[in-house]
Protein backbone atom coordinates (compact mmCIF):
# COMPACT_ATOMS: atom_id res chain seq x y z
CA UNK A 1 -22.56 -42.65 -96.94
CA UNK A 2 -20.22 -39.73 -96.23
CA UNK A 3 -21.09 -37.09 -93.67
CA UNK A 4 -21.41 -33.47 -94.70
CA UNK A 5 -20.63 -30.18 -92.97
CA UNK A 6 -21.93 -26.65 -93.07
CA UNK A 7 -19.08 -24.25 -92.50
CA UNK A 8 -20.09 -20.62 -91.98
CA UNK A 9 -17.63 -17.73 -91.90
CA UNK A 10 -18.90 -14.42 -90.53
CA UNK A 11 -17.16 -11.39 -92.04
CA UNK A 12 -19.20 -9.00 -89.89
CA UNK A 13 -22.31 -8.81 -87.77
CA UNK A 14 -23.95 -5.55 -88.81
CA UNK A 15 -27.18 -5.83 -86.83
CA UNK A 16 -26.95 -7.45 -83.39
CA UNK A 17 -30.75 -7.50 -82.96
CA UNK A 18 -31.26 -9.38 -86.24
CA UNK A 19 -28.43 -11.76 -85.34
CA UNK A 20 -30.03 -12.40 -81.92
CA UNK A 21 -33.41 -13.10 -83.56
CA UNK A 22 -31.72 -15.55 -85.95
CA UNK A 23 -29.84 -17.20 -83.06
CA UNK A 24 -33.14 -17.89 -81.27
CA UNK A 25 -34.59 -19.77 -84.26
CA UNK A 26 -31.72 -21.30 -86.25
CA UNK A 27 -30.21 -23.82 -83.77
CA UNK A 28 -33.52 -25.60 -83.16
CA UNK A 29 -34.28 -25.70 -86.90
CA UNK A 30 -30.82 -27.10 -87.68
CA UNK A 31 -30.95 -29.68 -84.90
CA UNK A 32 -34.47 -30.75 -85.92
CA UNK A 33 -33.05 -31.44 -89.39
CA UNK A 34 -30.31 -33.66 -87.94
CA UNK A 35 -27.48 -31.12 -87.60
CA UNK A 36 -24.96 -31.29 -84.76
CA UNK A 37 -22.92 -28.23 -83.85
CA UNK A 38 -19.20 -29.06 -83.85
CA UNK A 39 -17.63 -25.58 -83.76
CA UNK A 40 -19.13 -22.22 -82.83
CA UNK A 41 -16.95 -19.19 -82.10
CA UNK A 42 -13.83 -17.25 -82.93
CA UNK A 43 -10.65 -19.06 -84.03
CA UNK A 44 -8.05 -19.72 -81.37
CA UNK A 45 -5.31 -18.96 -83.93
CA UNK A 46 -5.20 -18.07 -87.62
CA UNK A 47 -2.36 -18.82 -90.04
CA UNK A 48 -1.28 -17.79 -93.52
CA UNK A 49 -3.92 -15.37 -94.85
CA UNK A 50 -6.58 -16.59 -92.41
CA UNK A 51 -9.06 -14.09 -91.06
CA UNK A 52 -10.08 -13.83 -87.43
CA UNK A 53 -13.79 -14.37 -88.08
CA UNK A 54 -16.54 -16.19 -86.21
CA UNK A 55 -16.80 -19.75 -87.54
CA UNK A 56 -19.65 -22.23 -87.20
CA UNK A 57 -19.35 -25.86 -88.30
CA UNK A 58 -22.32 -28.22 -88.25
CA UNK A 59 -22.16 -31.94 -88.98
CA UNK A 60 -24.86 -33.85 -90.86
CA UNK A 61 -25.14 -37.55 -91.68
CA UNK A 62 -25.24 -36.85 -95.43
CA UNK A 63 -24.96 -34.14 -98.06
CA UNK A 64 -28.66 -34.47 -98.84
CA UNK A 65 -29.52 -33.93 -95.16
CA UNK A 66 -27.33 -30.81 -94.98
CA UNK A 67 -28.93 -29.28 -98.06
CA UNK A 68 -32.43 -30.19 -96.87
CA UNK A 69 -31.71 -28.55 -93.50
CA UNK A 70 -30.74 -25.30 -95.20
CA UNK A 71 -33.81 -25.38 -97.42
CA UNK A 72 -36.20 -26.36 -94.60
CA UNK A 73 -39.06 -24.05 -93.62
CA UNK A 74 -37.64 -23.68 -90.09
CA UNK A 75 -34.23 -22.53 -91.28
CA UNK A 76 -35.76 -20.26 -93.91
CA UNK A 77 -37.70 -18.58 -91.10
CA UNK A 78 -34.39 -17.99 -89.30
CA UNK A 79 -32.92 -16.47 -92.46
CA UNK A 80 -35.86 -14.10 -92.77
CA UNK A 81 -35.25 -12.97 -89.16
CA UNK A 82 -31.56 -12.44 -89.97
CA UNK A 83 -32.23 -10.41 -93.11
CA UNK A 84 -29.08 -8.53 -94.05
CA UNK A 85 -27.86 -8.39 -90.44
CA UNK A 86 -24.60 -10.19 -91.21
CA UNK A 87 -22.03 -10.58 -93.94
CA UNK A 88 -21.11 -14.25 -94.11
CA UNK A 89 -20.70 -17.21 -96.37
CA UNK A 90 -21.85 -20.76 -95.84
CA UNK A 91 -20.17 -23.67 -97.55
CA UNK A 92 -21.65 -27.15 -97.51
CA UNK A 93 -18.97 -29.78 -98.06
CA UNK A 94 -19.02 -33.55 -98.13
CA UNK A 95 -16.57 -35.51 -95.99
CA UNK A 96 -14.00 -37.73 -97.65
CA UNK A 97 -15.39 -40.90 -96.08
């Protein structure tokens, strides 16, 4: 079974307090669902039309596990705390092998 990854790109953090509240809840919820943080921070270098945005990448053992983690009650609680405090996108992608 192929692993899967959440990849989050933060365009802006509009509300630091909401982001801090999210950051207190989200990691534990993600880890409880089997997620492992691989990348968390700003890029060291961007190329082509890349944007210098905060990036978070989380590894899961399967696509189903990654989706279930996002939809879990614990992560949904983190999203409620975040509200509209950030502009970001999350992509869930399956590994090639």
